[in-house]
Protein backbone atom coordinates (compact mmCIF):
# COMPACT_ATOMS: atom_id res chain seq x y z
CA VAL A 1 -114.72 -41.69 37.35
CA GLY A 2 -117.07 -44.61 38.43
CA ASN A 3 -115.70 -47.41 36.34
CA ASP A 4 -115.88 -50.70 38.16
CA LEU A 5 -113.68 -52.09 36.01
CA MET A 6 -110.95 -49.74 36.33
CA ARG A 7 -111.14 -49.85 40.02
CA ASN A 8 -110.65 -53.77 39.75
CA ILE A 9 -107.72 -53.58 38.03
CA GLY A 10 -106.23 -50.88 40.31
CA ILE A 11 -107.05 -53.35 43.42
CA ALA A 12 -105.04 -56.09 41.18
CA VAL A 13 -102.06 -53.86 40.61
CA SER A 14 -102.01 -52.85 44.32
CA LEU A 15 -102.04 -56.44 45.38
CA LEU A 16 -99.35 -57.70 42.69
CA VAL A 17 -97.14 -54.72 43.15
CA PRO A 18 -97.63 -53.01 46.47
CA SER A 19 -95.14 -50.35 46.75
CA ASP A 20 -97.64 -47.49 45.33
CA ALA A 21 -100.37 -48.14 47.95
CA LEU A 22 -97.72 -48.13 50.30
CA TRP A 23 -96.45 -44.99 49.28
CA ARG A 24 -100.01 -43.39 49.39
CA GLY A 25 -100.45 -44.76 52.84
CA ALA A 26 -97.28 -43.24 53.99
CA ALA A 27 -97.96 -40.27 52.32
CA TYR A 28 -101.00 -39.82 54.04
CA TYR A 29 -99.12 -38.97 57.36
CA LEU A 30 -96.61 -37.17 55.73
CA GLN A 31 -99.50 -34.67 54.99
CA SER A 32 -100.34 -31.84 57.55
CA PRO A 33 -104.35 -31.76 58.54
CA ALA A 34 -104.38 -28.40 57.21
CA PHE A 35 -103.10 -28.72 53.87
CA MET A 36 -105.85 -32.06 53.64
CA ALA A 37 -108.37 -29.97 54.49
CA ALA A 38 -107.63 -27.21 52.43
CA SER A 39 -107.10 -29.78 49.26
CA SER A 40 -110.49 -31.11 50.27
CA ALA A 41 -112.17 -27.58 50.57
CA VAL A 42 -110.81 -26.88 46.89
CA GLY A 43 -112.25 -30.20 45.45
CA GLU A 44 -109.34 -32.53 45.59
CA PRO A 45 -110.12 -35.31 48.20
CA GLY A 46 -106.87 -37.11 48.98
CA GLY A 47 -104.48 -34.68 49.43
CA ALA A 48 -101.91 -33.40 46.74
CA GLY A 49 -103.18 -35.46 43.67
CA PRO A 50 -100.76 -38.38 42.69
CA PHE A 51 -98.25 -37.47 45.56
CA GLY A 52 -101.17 -37.52 48.32
CA GLY A 53 -102.57 -40.28 50.12
CA SER A 54 -106.48 -40.50 51.42
CA ALA A 55 -106.35 -43.17 53.96
CA PRO A 56 -103.44 -44.90 55.69
CA PRO A 57 -102.75 -48.10 54.88
CA SER A 58 -104.68 -51.23 56.12
CA ALA A 59 -103.18 -53.48 58.34
CA ALA A 60 -103.91 -56.38 55.67
CA LEU A 61 -101.94 -54.25 53.27
CA VAL A 62 -98.93 -54.21 55.52
CA GLY A 63 -98.84 -57.62 55.86
CA TRP A 64 -99.31 -58.69 52.31
CA SER A 65 -96.21 -56.30 51.71
CA ILE A 66 -94.04 -57.48 54.37
CA ALA A 67 -95.15 -61.36 52.91
CA TYR A 68 -94.65 -60.13 49.48
CA VAL A 69 -90.98 -59.02 50.15
CA VAL A 70 -90.08 -62.02 52.35
CA LEU A 71 -91.44 -64.31 49.42
CA LEU A 72 -89.36 -62.32 46.85
CA LEU A 73 -86.29 -62.59 49.01
CA ALA A 74 -86.59 -66.30 49.46
CA MET A 75 -87.32 -67.29 45.80
CA ALA A 76 -83.96 -64.72 44.66
CA ALA A 77 -82.17 -66.91 47.06
CA ARG A 78 -83.10 -70.07 46.19
CA ARG A 79 -82.37 -68.95 42.93
CA PHE A 80 -78.99 -67.85 43.66
CA GLY A 81 -78.11 -70.76 45.80
CA ARG A 82 -78.50 -73.01 42.70
CA ARG A 83 -76.07 -71.08 40.62
CA ASP A 84 -72.38 -71.64 40.43
CA LEU A 85 -70.77 -68.74 41.35
């Protein structure tokens, strides 16, 4: 659409909750090159709409996702470590 605000919001959400960006990256590898070429030929870049990925995930995204999971697990362990069971 070309709206910079919406693009920036999408990037911020991808950084806060990286699961969607990782799914799109994984979907990129699951699609066959022939399907991606056919989708691009009919005017839909990136494959199968919301279920497709147009680019592999970057190393920074994968690194952030790993750090995100480790951080959340550490926070949960600390929180549950303080509770009486």
